[in-house]
Amino acid sequence: MAKNILLVDDSSTMRKIITRSLRQAGLDFGEIFEASDGQEALDVLEKEHVDIVLSDINMPNMNGIEFLREKANRDAIKDIPVFMISTETGDDIIGEAKSLGAVGALKKPFTPDKVSEVLGPLV
């Protein structure tokens, strides 16, 4: 069964690039939802069935780390896996994200092959 994805990034261009990479990776995805920050992501997660979240770290309003903290406090959505997609993939920030429930990270820029390698086991 196809997995629904939520893309969280303040750049609409980056969301388009990620969507294209997901399709080029040849993975079986259902709907692809979008949010421009962590607060919008929480709103989408409360309304839609989402299987995997791909989230940037640096965003206005609510960044990726704040999003992970808030998501962890909501029983209905706390177990949805989150991959961080960011230019910041240092051990400190990714370590913090993982301690808050992120299951992995993908460094920008990335290729469809890398997307397939990282997300393939989840879909």
Protein backbone atom coordinates (compact mmCIF):
# COMPACT_ATOMS: atom_id res chain seq x y z
CA MET A 1 0.00 0.00 0.00
CA ALA A 2 1.32 3.43 -0.96
CA LYS A 3 2.60 5.63 1.87
CA ASN A 4 1.44 9.20 2.32
CA ILE A 5 4.21 11.73 2.80
CA LEU A 6 4.28 15.16 4.45
CA LEU A 7 6.98 17.55 3.22
CA VAL A 8 7.82 20.34 5.65
CA ASP A 9 10.03 23.09 4.27
CA ASP A 10 9.66 26.87 4.15
CA SER A 11 10.85 26.91 0.53
CA SER A 12 8.16 25.99 -1.99
CA THR A 13 10.94 25.38 -4.52
CA MET A 14 12.60 22.88 -2.20
CA ARG A 15 9.27 21.11 -1.64
CA LYS A 16 8.96 20.76 -5.44
CA ILE A 17 12.52 19.42 -5.69
CA ILE A 18 11.85 16.88 -2.93
CA THR A 19 8.60 15.81 -4.60
CA ARG A 20 10.40 15.31 -7.91
CA SER A 21 13.17 13.33 -6.19
CA LEU A 22 10.61 11.10 -4.49
CA ARG A 23 9.00 10.32 -7.83
CA GLN A 24 12.37 9.78 -9.56
CA ALA A 25 13.43 7.42 -6.76
CA GLY A 26 10.73 5.03 -7.94
CA LEU A 27 9.23 4.50 -4.49
CA ASP A 28 5.53 3.78 -4.03
CA PHE A 29 4.04 6.94 -2.55
CA GLY A 30 0.40 7.89 -2.23
CA GLU A 31 -0.46 11.49 -1.46
CA ILE A 32 2.22 14.08 -0.85
CA PHE A 33 1.11 16.79 1.56
CA GLU A 34 3.05 20.03 2.11
CA ALA A 35 3.62 22.44 4.99
CA SER A 36 5.82 25.53 5.17
CA ASP A 37 6.71 25.24 8.87
CA GLY A 38 6.28 23.04 11.92
CA GLN A 39 2.94 24.54 12.94
CA GLU A 40 1.42 23.90 9.51
CA ALA A 41 2.85 20.37 9.68
CA LEU A 42 1.09 19.73 13.00
CA ASP A 43 -2.16 21.00 11.47
CA VAL A 44 -1.79 18.62 8.50
CA LEU A 45 -0.94 15.68 10.78
CA GLU A 46 -4.09 16.31 12.82
CA LYS A 47 -6.31 16.22 9.69
CA GLU A 48 -4.69 13.82 7.21
CA HIS A 49 -3.38 10.27 7.27
CA VAL A 50 0.40 10.61 6.96
CA ASP A 51 2.86 7.71 7.11
CA ILE A 52 6.20 9.54 6.89
CA VAL A 53 7.29 13.16 7.50
CA LEU A 54 10.27 14.75 5.75
CA SER A 55 11.13 17.96 7.58
CA ASP A 56 13.61 20.77 7.19
CA ILE A 57 15.26 22.07 10.37
CA ASN A 58 15.57 25.81 9.73
CA MET A 59 12.12 27.33 9.21
CA PRO A 60 10.28 30.41 10.51
CA ASN A 61 7.42 30.24 13.04
CA MET A 62 8.21 26.70 14.24
CA ASN A 63 11.48 25.05 13.21
CA GLY A 64 12.08 21.33 12.78
CA ILE A 65 13.36 20.78 16.32
CA GLU A 66 10.39 22.61 17.86
CA PHE A 67 8.11 20.58 15.58
CA LEU A 68 9.61 17.32 16.86
CA ARG A 69 9.14 18.44 20.48
CA GLU A 70 5.50 19.35 19.92
CA LYS A 71 4.75 16.24 17.84
CA ALA A 72 6.11 14.03 20.65
CA ASN A 73 3.46 15.45 23.00
CA ARG A 74 0.53 14.48 20.77
CA ASP A 75 -0.50 10.84 21.18
CA ALA A 76 -2.30 10.59 17.83
CA ILE A 77 0.79 11.56 15.80
CA LYS A 78 3.82 10.93 18.01
CA ASP A 79 4.73 7.61 16.35
CA ILE A 80 4.81 8.86 12.75
CA PRO A 81 8.44 8.57 11.57
CA VAL A 82 10.24 11.82 10.74
CA PHE A 83 13.30 12.20 8.54
CA MET A 84 15.13 15.50 8.73
CA ILE A 85 16.10 16.97 5.35
CA SER A 86 18.50 19.82 5.82
CA THR A 87 21.77 21.44 4.88
CA GLU A 88 22.55 21.11 8.59
CA THR A 89 23.41 17.50 9.22
CA GLY A 90 26.06 17.93 11.89
CA ASP A 91 26.12 15.42 14.73
CA ASP A 92 24.90 18.01 17.25
CA ILE A 93 21.70 19.08 15.47
CA ILE A 94 20.91 15.62 14.08
CA GLY A 95 21.69 14.09 17.48
CA GLU A 96 19.19 16.46 19.04
CA ALA A 97 16.62 15.67 16.35
CA LYS A 98 17.10 11.92 16.89
CA SER A 99 16.78 12.33 20.64
CA LEU A 100 13.40 13.95 19.93
CA GLY A 101 12.24 11.09 17.73
CA ALA A 102 13.64 11.68 14.23
CA VAL A 103 14.55 8.37 12.63
CA GLY A 104 17.18 9.69 10.25
CA ALA A 105 18.50 12.55 8.17
CA LEU A 106 19.09 13.34 4.54
CA LYS A 107 21.57 16.06 3.62
CA LYS A 108 20.65 18.68 1.00
CA PRO A 109 21.42 18.51 -1.84
CA PHE A 110 20.55 14.86 -2.49
CA THR A 111 19.94 12.55 -5.43
CA PRO A 112 16.94 10.33 -6.16
CA ASP A 113 19.25 7.34 -5.49
CA LYS A 114 20.01 8.67 -1.99
CA VAL A 115 16.28 9.23 -1.38
CA SER A 116 15.59 5.64 -2.41
CA GLU A 117 18.41 4.34 -0.18
CA VAL A 118 17.23 6.27 2.89
CA LEU A 119 13.45 6.01 2.50
CA GLY A 120 13.18 2.69 0.67
CA PRO A 121 13.12 0.59 3.87
CA LEU A 122 10.09 2.57 5.14
CA VAL A 123 7.89 2.26 2.06
